[in-house]
Amino acid sequence: MAAMNFRDEHALKGAFVSNKLLRLVDLIADQGDDLLREADITVPARAVACTLFIGDKGQVSLADIAKALDEPHQLSAQRVEGLIELGLLERRDDPKDRRRKVLRLTKSGKAQYQRLLVRLAEIEQALTELYAEIDHDLPAILDRAIDALRRTPLLERIRKHAATAGASSKKQKAK
């Protein structure tokens, strides 16, 4: 992945913030894989949150995972199947409702979960140091940006700007 690309150097580079964010996500994910391997964690990076949720809750359904992680049921199902294939997760009948299946960590999964807790605490500390280095609380900034875009989407912002510019242009011509 190049440090700079065409989008970064273009006069309209500010319109490509999503590309820069994706590159940051990819960089963190790539480094995350290294962090997991170094700690002898076999949980795939994309299944860390799923494993953490199951480990924290003890026993959950697939629907519980999808809802908690705010992701499509199919995506959660793929992650669960991968964890089952790795021997980290098992599926059982719910003793309270035979129609329902529950998921829980295996003995190996519990060991991985414990390693994961330690490594995630280390990652959180490293990221806190990164935020201090760049003098910005990145998660807080991202939360504010998400909230602002939910309140006023980009298209609405463009239309508002166009309307304001149009009104200003009409005033200029009237003079």
N, C-alpha and C. Protein backbone atom coordinates (compact mmCIF):
# COMPACT_ATOMS: atom_id res chain seq x y z
N MET A 1 0.84 -1.16 0.00
CA MET A 1 0.00 0.00 0.00
C MET A 1 0.90 1.24 0.00
N ALA A 2 0.69 2.08 -0.99
CA ALA A 2 1.50 3.29 -1.12
C ALA A 2 1.11 4.30 -0.05
N ALA A 3 2.12 5.06 0.42
CA ALA A 3 1.85 6.09 1.42
C ALA A 3 1.00 7.21 0.83
N MET A 4 1.25 7.53 -0.42
CA MET A 4 0.50 8.58 -1.12
C MET A 4 0.03 8.01 -2.45
N ASN A 5 -1.09 8.51 -2.94
CA ASN A 5 -1.56 8.11 -4.25
C ASN A 5 -2.21 9.29 -4.95
N PHE A 6 -2.73 9.06 -6.12
CA PHE A 6 -3.34 10.12 -6.93
C PHE A 6 -4.36 10.93 -6.14
N ARG A 7 -5.20 10.24 -5.38
CA ARG A 7 -6.25 10.94 -4.62
C ARG A 7 -5.64 11.92 -3.60
N ASP A 8 -4.51 11.53 -3.00
CA ASP A 8 -3.88 12.36 -1.98
C ASP A 8 -3.27 13.63 -2.57
N GLU A 9 -2.94 13.60 -3.83
CA GLU A 9 -2.25 14.72 -4.46
C GLU A 9 -3.16 15.58 -5.33
N HIS A 10 -4.39 15.12 -5.55
CA HIS A 10 -5.32 15.85 -6.42
C HIS A 10 -5.82 17.11 -5.73
N ALA A 11 -6.16 18.12 -6.51
CA ALA A 11 -6.68 19.37 -5.96
C ALA A 11 -7.95 19.15 -5.14
N LEU A 12 -8.71 18.10 -5.46
CA LEU A 12 -9.95 17.81 -4.74
C LEU A 12 -9.77 16.68 -3.72
N LYS A 13 -8.56 16.58 -3.17
CA LYS A 13 -8.25 15.48 -2.25
C LYS A 13 -9.15 15.41 -1.04
N GLY A 14 -9.72 16.51 -0.62
CA GLY A 14 -10.62 16.51 0.53
C GLY A 14 -11.88 15.69 0.31
N ALA A 15 -12.22 15.41 -0.94
CA ALA A 15 -13.41 14.62 -1.26
C ALA A 15 -13.15 13.12 -1.08
N PHE A 16 -11.90 12.75 -0.85
CA PHE A 16 -11.52 11.33 -0.79
C PHE A 16 -11.19 10.87 0.64
N VAL A 17 -11.84 11.44 1.63
CA VAL A 17 -11.57 11.06 3.01
C VAL A 17 -11.89 9.58 3.25
N SER A 18 -12.91 9.05 2.57
CA SER A 18 -13.27 7.64 2.77
C SER A 18 -12.12 6.73 2.34
N ASN A 19 -11.41 7.10 1.28
CA ASN A 19 -10.28 6.30 0.83
C ASN A 19 -9.18 6.30 1.88
N LYS A 20 -8.93 7.44 2.45
CA LYS A 20 -7.88 7.54 3.48
C LYS A 20 -8.28 6.72 4.72
N LEU A 21 -9.55 6.77 5.09
CA LEU A 21 -10.03 5.99 6.23
C LEU A 21 -9.91 4.49 5.95
N LEU A 22 -10.23 4.08 4.73
CA LEU A 22 -10.09 2.66 4.37
C LEU A 22 -8.64 2.22 4.45
N ARG A 23 -7.72 3.08 4.03
CA ARG A 23 -6.30 2.74 4.12
C ARG A 23 -5.87 2.61 5.58
N LEU A 24 -6.40 3.46 6.45
CA LEU A 24 -6.09 3.36 7.87
C LEU A 24 -6.64 2.05 8.42
N VAL A 25 -7.87 1.70 8.06
CA VAL A 25 -8.47 0.44 8.51
C VAL A 25 -7.61 -0.74 8.04
N ASP A 26 -7.22 -0.74 6.78
CA ASP A 26 -6.39 -1.83 6.24
C ASP A 26 -5.05 -1.92 6.97
N LEU A 27 -4.44 -0.77 7.23
CA LEU A 27 -3.15 -0.76 7.93
C LEU A 27 -3.28 -1.31 9.34
N ILE A 28 -4.31 -0.88 10.05
CA ILE A 28 -4.52 -1.38 11.40
C ILE A 28 -4.84 -2.87 11.37
N ALA A 29 -5.66 -3.30 10.41
CA ALA A 29 -6.01 -4.73 10.30
C ALA A 29 -4.77 -5.57 9.99
N ASP A 30 -3.92 -5.09 9.08
CA ASP A 30 -2.69 -5.82 8.76
C ASP A 30 -1.79 -5.93 9.99
N GLN A 31 -1.63 -4.83 10.70
CA GLN A 31 -0.80 -4.86 11.90
C GLN A 31 -1.47 -5.68 13.00
N GLY A 32 -2.82 -5.69 13.01
CA GLY A 32 -3.56 -6.51 13.97
C GLY A 32 -3.29 -7.98 13.78
N ASP A 33 -3.20 -8.42 12.52
CA ASP A 33 -2.87 -9.82 12.25
C ASP A 33 -1.52 -10.17 12.87
N ASP A 34 -0.55 -9.28 12.70
CA ASP A 34 0.78 -9.51 13.29
C ASP A 34 0.70 -9.57 14.81
N LEU A 35 -0.10 -8.68 15.40
CA LEU A 35 -0.25 -8.65 16.86
C LEU A 35 -0.87 -9.94 17.38
N LEU A 36 -1.85 -10.46 16.66
CA LEU A 36 -2.49 -11.71 17.08
C LEU A 36 -1.52 -12.89 16.96
N ARG A 37 -0.84 -12.97 15.82
CA ARG A 37 0.13 -14.06 15.61
C ARG A 37 1.22 -14.04 16.68
N GLU A 38 1.73 -12.86 16.97
CA GLU A 38 2.83 -12.72 17.94
C GLU A 38 2.39 -13.18 19.34
N ALA A 39 1.10 -13.05 19.63
CA ALA A 39 0.57 -13.46 20.93
C ALA A 39 0.03 -14.89 20.90
N ASP A 40 0.31 -15.60 19.80
CA ASP A 40 -0.14 -16.99 19.64
C ASP A 40 -1.67 -17.11 19.70
N ILE A 41 -2.33 -16.13 19.09
CA ILE A 41 -3.79 -16.12 19.02
C ILE A 41 -4.18 -16.58 17.62
N THR A 42 -5.00 -17.62 17.55
CA THR A 42 -5.41 -18.18 16.26
C THR A 42 -6.77 -17.67 15.80
N VAL A 43 -7.41 -16.87 16.61
CA VAL A 43 -8.69 -16.27 16.22
C VAL A 43 -8.41 -15.33 15.05
N PRO A 44 -9.13 -15.48 13.93
CA PRO A 44 -8.94 -14.56 12.81
C PRO A 44 -9.28 -13.13 13.24
N ALA A 45 -8.52 -12.17 12.73
CA ALA A 45 -8.72 -10.77 13.12
C ALA A 45 -10.17 -10.32 12.94
N ARG A 46 -10.80 -10.78 11.87
CA ARG A 46 -12.19 -10.36 11.60
C ARG A 46 -13.19 -11.03 12.54
N ALA A 47 -12.74 -12.00 13.34
CA ALA A 47 -13.64 -12.68 14.27
C ALA A 47 -13.33 -12.34 15.73
N VAL A 48 -12.48 -11.36 15.95
CA VAL A 48 -12.09 -10.99 17.31
C VAL A 48 -13.30 -10.49 18.10
N ALA A 49 -14.08 -9.58 17.55
CA ALA A 49 -15.23 -9.04 18.29
C ALA A 49 -16.25 -10.13 18.58
N CYS A 50 -16.44 -11.03 17.63
CA CYS A 50 -17.37 -12.16 17.83
C CYS A 50 -16.89 -13.02 19.00
N THR A 51 -15.62 -13.36 19.00
CA THR A 51 -15.04 -14.18 20.07
C THR A 51 -15.13 -13.47 21.41
N LEU A 52 -14.84 -12.19 21.41
CA LEU A 52 -14.91 -11.40 22.63
C LEU A 52 -16.34 -11.38 23.18
N PHE A 53 -17.31 -11.19 22.31
CA PHE A 53 -18.71 -11.16 22.74
C PHE A 53 -19.13 -12.50 23.35
N ILE A 54 -18.80 -13.58 22.67
CA ILE A 54 -19.17 -14.91 23.18
C ILE A 54 -18.45 -15.18 24.51
N GLY A 55 -17.16 -14.84 24.58
CA GLY A 55 -16.41 -15.05 25.81
C GLY A 55 -16.97 -14.23 26.97
N ASP A 56 -17.38 -13.00 26.68
CA ASP A 56 -17.95 -12.14 27.72
C ASP A 56 -19.32 -12.64 28.20
N LYS A 57 -20.11 -13.14 27.26
CA LYS A 57 -21.49 -13.54 27.58
C LYS A 57 -21.60 -15.00 28.01
N GLY A 58 -20.67 -15.83 27.58
CA GLY A 58 -20.68 -17.24 27.97
C GLY A 58 -21.42 -18.14 27.01
N GLN A 59 -22.64 -17.76 26.67
CA GLN A 59 -23.46 -18.60 25.78
C GLN A 59 -24.44 -17.67 25.06
N VAL A 60 -24.42 -17.70 23.73
CA VAL A 60 -25.26 -16.79 22.94
C VAL A 60 -25.78 -17.49 21.70
N SER A 61 -26.77 -16.89 21.07
CA SER A 61 -27.27 -17.39 19.79
C SER A 61 -26.61 -16.59 18.67
N LEU A 62 -26.74 -17.10 17.47
CA LEU A 62 -26.22 -16.39 16.30
C LEU A 62 -26.91 -15.04 16.16
N ALA A 63 -28.21 -15.01 16.41
CA ALA A 63 -28.96 -13.75 16.33
C ALA A 63 -28.44 -12.74 17.35
N ASP A 64 -28.07 -13.22 18.55
CA ASP A 64 -27.50 -12.35 19.58
C ASP A 64 -26.22 -11.69 19.09
N ILE A 65 -25.38 -12.49 18.42
CA ILE A 65 -24.10 -11.98 17.92
C ILE A 65 -24.34 -10.91 16.85
N ALA A 66 -25.17 -11.23 15.87
CA ALA A 66 -25.44 -10.29 14.78
C ALA A 66 -25.99 -8.97 15.32
N LYS A 67 -26.89 -9.08 16.27
CA LYS A 67 -27.49 -7.86 16.85
C LYS A 67 -26.45 -7.06 17.63
N ALA A 68 -25.69 -7.73 18.47
CA ALA A 68 -24.70 -7.04 19.31
C ALA A 68 -23.61 -6.38 18.48
N LEU A 69 -23.20 -7.03 17.39
CA LEU A 69 -22.12 -6.49 16.56
C LEU A 69 -22.64 -5.60 15.44
N ASP A 70 -23.97 -5.50 15.35
CA ASP A 70 -24.61 -4.67 14.32
C ASP A 70 -24.09 -5.02 12.94
N GLU A 71 -24.18 -6.33 12.63
CA GLU A 71 -23.73 -6.81 11.34
C GLU A 71 -24.76 -7.78 10.78
N PRO A 72 -24.75 -8.01 9.47
CA PRO A 72 -25.71 -8.94 8.88
C PRO A 72 -25.58 -10.34 9.47
N HIS A 73 -26.70 -11.02 9.59
CA HIS A 73 -26.75 -12.37 10.13
C HIS A 73 -25.80 -13.29 9.37
N GLN A 74 -25.77 -13.16 8.05
CA GLN A 74 -24.91 -14.01 7.21
C GLN A 74 -23.43 -13.82 7.55
N LEU A 75 -23.03 -12.59 7.79
CA LEU A 75 -21.62 -12.32 8.14
C LEU A 75 -21.28 -12.95 9.49
N SER A 76 -22.17 -12.81 10.45
CA SER A 76 -21.95 -13.44 11.76
C SER A 76 -21.88 -14.95 11.61
N ALA A 77 -22.75 -15.51 10.76
CA ALA A 77 -22.78 -16.96 10.53
C ALA A 77 -21.45 -17.44 9.95
N GLN A 78 -20.88 -16.68 9.02
CA GLN A 78 -19.59 -17.06 8.43
C GLN A 78 -18.49 -17.06 9.49
N ARG A 79 -18.49 -16.05 10.33
CA ARG A 79 -17.47 -15.97 11.38
C ARG A 79 -17.62 -17.12 12.37
N VAL A 80 -18.86 -17.41 12.74
CA VAL A 80 -19.13 -18.50 13.67
C VAL A 80 -18.67 -19.83 13.08
N GLU A 81 -19.00 -20.08 11.82
CA GLU A 81 -18.58 -21.33 11.18
C GLU A 81 -17.06 -21.46 11.16
N GLY A 82 -16.38 -20.36 10.89
CA GLY A 82 -14.92 -20.38 10.91
C GLY A 82 -14.37 -20.72 12.28
N LEU A 83 -14.98 -20.17 13.32
CA LEU A 83 -14.54 -20.44 14.69
C LEU A 83 -14.84 -21.89 15.09
N ILE A 84 -15.95 -22.42 14.59
CA ILE A 84 -16.28 -23.83 14.86
C ILE A 84 -15.25 -24.73 14.18
N GLU A 85 -14.90 -24.41 12.91
CA GLU A 85 -13.91 -25.20 12.18
C GLU A 85 -12.55 -25.17 12.86
N LEU A 86 -12.22 -24.06 13.49
CA LEU A 86 -10.95 -23.95 14.21
C LEU A 86 -10.98 -24.64 15.58
N GLY A 87 -12.15 -25.13 15.96
CA GLY A 87 -12.29 -25.81 17.25
C GLY A 87 -12.37 -24.85 18.43
N LEU A 88 -12.69 -23.59 18.16
CA LEU A 88 -12.75 -22.58 19.22
C LEU A 88 -14.16 -22.37 19.75
N LEU A 89 -15.13 -22.88 19.01
CA LEU A 89 -16.53 -22.63 19.33
C LEU A 89 -17.32 -23.90 19.12
N GLU A 90 -18.36 -24.09 19.92
CA GLU A 90 -19.25 -25.23 19.73
C GLU A 90 -20.70 -24.76 19.73
N ARG A 91 -21.52 -25.49 18.99
CA ARG A 91 -22.94 -25.20 18.88
C ARG A 91 -23.71 -26.29 19.62
N ARG A 92 -24.65 -25.89 20.45
CA ARG A 92 -25.43 -26.86 21.23
C ARG A 92 -26.89 -26.46 21.24
N ASP A 93 -27.74 -27.42 21.59
CA ASP A 93 -29.15 -27.11 21.79
C ASP A 93 -29.28 -26.26 23.04
N ASP A 94 -30.16 -25.28 22.99
CA ASP A 94 -30.44 -24.45 24.17
C ASP A 94 -31.27 -25.29 25.13
N PRO A 95 -30.80 -25.49 26.35
CA PRO A 95 -31.56 -26.32 27.30
C PRO A 95 -32.93 -25.72 27.63
N LYS A 96 -33.09 -24.41 27.44
CA LYS A 96 -34.35 -23.74 27.74
C LYS A 96 -35.33 -23.76 26.56
N ASP A 97 -34.78 -23.93 25.34
CA ASP A 97 -35.61 -23.90 24.14
C ASP A 97 -34.96 -24.79 23.09
N ARG A 98 -35.46 -25.99 22.90
CA ARG A 98 -34.86 -26.98 21.99
C ARG A 98 -34.82 -26.51 20.54
N ARG A 99 -35.65 -25.54 20.17
CA ARG A 99 -35.63 -25.04 18.78
C ARG A 99 -34.44 -24.12 18.54
N ARG A 100 -33.87 -23.62 19.59
CA ARG A 100 -32.80 -22.63 19.50
C ARG A 100 -31.44 -23.30 19.71
N LYS A 101 -30.44 -22.83 18.97
CA LYS A 101 -29.06 -23.29 19.14
C LYS A 101 -28.28 -22.19 19.85
N VAL A 102 -27.39 -22.60 20.73
CA VAL A 102 -26.52 -21.63 21.41
C VAL A 102 -25.07 -21.95 21.08
N LEU A 103 -24.27 -20.94 21.18
CA LEU A 103 -22.84 -21.06 20.89
C LEU A 103 -22.07 -20.74 22.15
N ARG A 104 -20.98 -21.47 22.34
CA ARG A 104 -20.10 -21.18 23.47
C ARG A 104 -18.68 -21.58 23.09
N LEU A 105 -17.73 -21.00 23.80
CA LEU A 105 -16.33 -21.30 23.54
C LEU A 105 -15.99 -22.70 24.03
N THR A 106 -15.13 -23.38 23.27
CA THR A 106 -14.59 -24.66 23.71
C THR A 106 -13.47 -24.37 24.71
N LYS A 107 -12.87 -25.41 25.24
CA LYS A 107 -11.73 -25.23 26.15
C LYS A 107 -10.63 -24.44 25.44
N SER A 108 -10.34 -24.82 24.20
CA SER A 108 -9.33 -24.11 23.41
C SER A 108 -9.77 -22.67 23.14
N GLY A 109 -11.06 -22.49 22.88
CA GLY A 109 -11.61 -21.15 22.64
C GLY A 109 -11.48 -20.27 23.86
N LYS A 110 -11.69 -20.84 25.04
CA LYS A 110 -11.55 -20.08 26.29
C LYS A 110 -10.11 -19.63 26.51
N ALA A 111 -9.17 -20.51 26.16
CA ALA A 111 -7.75 -20.14 26.28
C ALA A 111 -7.42 -19.00 25.32
N GLN A 112 -7.95 -19.08 24.10
CA GLN A 112 -7.74 -18.02 23.12
C GLN A 112 -8.38 -16.71 23.59
N TYR A 113 -9.56 -16.83 24.17
CA TYR A 113 -10.27 -15.66 24.71
C TYR A 113 -9.43 -14.97 25.79
N GLN A 114 -8.82 -15.74 26.66
CA GLN A 114 -7.98 -15.16 27.72
C GLN A 114 -6.76 -14.44 27.13
N ARG A 115 -6.13 -15.06 26.13
CA ARG A 115 -5.00 -14.41 25.45
C ARG A 115 -5.47 -13.13 24.76
N LEU A 116 -6.64 -13.22 24.17
CA LEU A 116 -7.21 -12.08 23.45
C LEU A 116 -7.46 -10.90 24.39
N LEU A 117 -7.95 -11.16 25.58
CA LEU A 117 -8.18 -10.09 26.56
C LEU A 117 -6.89 -9.35 26.87
N VAL A 118 -5.82 -10.11 27.07
CA VAL A 118 -4.52 -9.50 27.39
C VAL A 118 -4.04 -8.67 26.20
N ARG A 119 -4.11 -9.23 25.00
CA ARG A 119 -3.60 -8.54 23.82
C ARG A 119 -4.45 -7.31 23.50
N LEU A 120 -5.76 -7.40 23.66
CA LEU A 120 -6.62 -6.24 23.38
C LEU A 120 -6.33 -5.10 24.35
N ALA A 121 -6.03 -5.41 25.59
CA ALA A 121 -5.65 -4.37 26.55
C ALA A 121 -4.35 -3.70 26.11
N GLU A 122 -3.41 -4.50 25.60
CA GLU A 122 -2.14 -3.94 25.10
C GLU A 122 -2.39 -3.08 23.86
N ILE A 123 -3.27 -3.53 22.98
CA ILE A 123 -3.59 -2.77 21.77
C ILE A 123 -4.25 -1.45 22.15
N GLU A 124 -5.17 -1.53 23.10
CA GLU A 124 -5.85 -0.30 23.53
C GLU A 124 -4.83 0.71 24.07
N GLN A 125 -3.85 0.24 24.84
CA GLN A 125 -2.81 1.13 25.37
C GLN A 125 -1.96 1.72 24.25
N ALA A 126 -1.60 0.88 23.28
CA ALA A 126 -0.79 1.37 22.15
C ALA A 126 -1.56 2.42 21.35
N LEU A 127 -2.85 2.21 21.16
CA LEU A 127 -3.66 3.18 20.42
C LEU A 127 -3.83 4.47 21.23
N THR A 128 -3.95 4.36 22.54
CA THR A 128 -4.03 5.55 23.38
C THR A 128 -2.77 6.38 23.23
N GLU A 129 -1.62 5.72 23.17
CA GLU A 129 -0.34 6.42 22.95
C GLU A 129 -0.31 7.05 21.55
N LEU A 130 -0.86 6.35 20.57
CA LEU A 130 -0.94 6.92 19.21
C LEU A 130 -1.79 8.19 19.21
N TYR A 131 -2.93 8.17 19.89
CA TYR A 131 -3.80 9.35 19.93
C TYR A 131 -3.08 10.52 20.60
N ALA A 132 -2.29 10.22 21.63
CA ALA A 132 -1.51 11.28 22.28
C ALA A 132 -0.45 11.82 21.31
N GLU A 133 0.17 10.91 20.56
CA GLU A 133 1.20 11.32 19.60
C GLU A 133 0.62 12.23 18.52
N ILE A 134 -0.56 11.93 18.04
CA ILE A 134 -1.16 12.76 16.98
C ILE A 134 -2.02 13.88 17.55
N ASP A 135 -2.09 13.93 18.89
CA ASP A 135 -2.81 14.98 19.61
C ASP A 135 -4.29 15.05 19.24
N HIS A 136 -4.88 13.87 19.02
CA HIS A 136 -6.32 13.80 18.71
C HIS A 136 -6.88 12.48 19.21
N ASP A 137 -8.05 12.55 19.79
CA ASP A 137 -8.76 11.35 20.24
C ASP A 137 -9.54 10.84 19.02
N LEU A 138 -8.92 10.00 18.24
CA LEU A 138 -9.48 9.54 16.97
C LEU A 138 -10.87 8.91 17.12
N PRO A 139 -11.10 8.01 18.08
CA PRO A 139 -12.46 7.46 18.21
C PRO A 139 -13.51 8.53 18.47
N ALA A 140 -13.19 9.52 19.30
CA ALA A 140 -14.14 10.59 19.58
C ALA A 140 -14.40 11.42 18.32
N ILE A 141 -13.37 11.69 17.56
CA ILE A 141 -13.52 12.45 16.31
C ILE A 141 -14.40 11.67 15.33
N LEU A 142 -14.14 10.38 15.21
CA LEU A 142 -14.93 9.56 14.30
C LEU A 142 -16.39 9.49 14.74
N ASP A 143 -16.62 9.37 16.05
CA ASP A 143 -18.00 9.36 16.56
C ASP A 143 -18.70 10.68 16.22
N ARG A 144 -18.00 11.80 16.40
CA ARG A 144 -18.61 13.10 16.09
C ARG A 144 -18.90 13.22 14.59
N ALA A 145 -17.99 12.73 13.75
CA ALA A 145 -18.21 12.79 12.30
C ALA A 145 -19.41 11.92 11.90
N ILE A 146 -19.50 10.73 12.46
CA ILE A 146 -20.63 9.83 12.16
C ILE A 146 -21.94 10.49 12.59
N ASP A 147 -21.97 11.04 13.80
CA ASP A 147 -23.18 11.70 14.29
C ASP A 147 -23.57 12.88 13.40
N ALA A 148 -22.59 13.68 13.01
CA ALA A 148 -22.86 14.85 12.17
C ALA A 148 -23.40 14.44 10.80
N LEU A 149 -22.84 13.37 10.23
CA LEU A 149 -23.33 12.91 8.92
C LEU A 149 -24.69 12.24 9.02
N ARG A 150 -25.00 11.68 10.15
CA ARG A 150 -26.36 11.12 10.33
C ARG A 150 -27.37 12.25 10.45
N ARG A 151 -26.98 13.31 11.14
CA ARG A 151 -27.88 14.47 11.27
C ARG A 151 -28.07 15.18 9.93
N THR A 152 -26.96 15.37 9.22
CA THR A 152 -27.00 16.10 7.95
C THR A 152 -26.13 15.35 6.94
N PRO A 153 -26.75 14.50 6.10
CA PRO A 153 -25.98 13.73 5.11
C PRO A 153 -25.26 14.63 4.10
N LEU A 154 -24.27 14.08 3.44
CA LEU A 154 -23.48 14.84 2.47
C LEU A 154 -24.35 15.47 1.39
N LEU A 155 -25.32 14.72 0.86
CA LEU A 155 -26.17 15.26 -0.20
C LEU A 155 -26.92 16.49 0.29
N GLU A 156 -27.42 16.45 1.50
CA GLU A 156 -28.11 17.62 2.07
C GLU A 156 -27.15 18.79 2.22
N ARG A 157 -25.92 18.50 2.61
CA ARG A 157 -24.92 19.55 2.75
C ARG A 157 -24.60 20.19 1.39
N ILE A 158 -24.50 19.35 0.36
CA ILE A 158 -24.22 19.86 -0.98
C ILE A 158 -25.38 20.71 -1.47
N ARG A 159 -26.60 20.24 -1.29
CA ARG A 159 -27.78 21.00 -1.72
C ARG A 159 -27.88 22.33 -0.98
N LYS A 160 -27.58 22.31 0.33
CA LYS A 160 -27.62 23.54 1.11
C LYS A 160 -26.59 24.53 0.60
N HIS A 161 -25.39 24.04 0.32
CA HIS A 161 -24.33 24.89 -0.21
C HIS A 161 -24.72 25.46 -1.58
N ALA A 162 -25.29 24.60 -2.43
CA ALA A 162 -25.70 25.04 -3.76
C ALA A 162 -26.79 26.11 -3.66
N ALA A 163 -27.73 25.94 -2.74
CA ALA A 163 -28.81 26.92 -2.57
C ALA A 163 -28.25 28.24 -2.06
N THR A 164 -27.31 28.16 -1.12
CA THR A 164 -26.68 29.37 -0.58
C THR A 164 -25.86 30.06 -1.66
N ALA A 165 -25.11 29.28 -2.43
CA ALA A 165 -24.29 29.84 -3.51
C ALA A 165 -25.19 30.46 -4.58
N GLY A 166 -26.30 29.80 -4.88
CA GLY A 166 -27.24 30.32 -5.88
C GLY A 166 -27.86 31.63 -5.43
N ALA A 167 -28.23 31.73 -4.18
CA ALA A 167 -28.81 32.96 -3.64
C ALA A 167 -27.78 34.08 -3.65
N SER A 168 -26.54 33.73 -3.30
CA SER A 168 -25.47 34.71 -3.30
C SER A 168 -25.19 35.21 -4.71
N SER A 169 -25.23 34.29 -5.68
CA SER A 169 -24.99 34.63 -7.08
C SER A 169 -26.08 35.57 -7.60
N LYS A 170 -27.32 35.33 -7.20
CA LYS A 170 -28.44 36.18 -7.63
C LYS A 170 -28.29 37.58 -7.05
N LYS A 171 -27.81 37.67 -5.79
CA LYS A 171 -27.59 38.99 -5.17
C LYS A 171 -26.50 39.75 -5.91
N GLN A 172 -25.45 39.03 -6.31
CA GLN A 172 -24.34 39.65 -7.04
C GLN A 172 -24.82 40.22 -8.37
N LYS A 173 -25.67 39.46 -9.08
CA LYS A 173 -26.18 39.90 -10.39
C LYS A 173 -27.15 41.05 -10.24
N ALA A 174 -27.87 41.13 -9.11
CA ALA A 174 -28.84 42.19 -8.88
C ALA A 174 -28.12 43.52 -8.65
N LYS A 175 -26.92 43.47 -8.20
CA LYS A 175 -26.15 44.71 -7.92
C LYS A 175 -25.71 45.27 -9.21
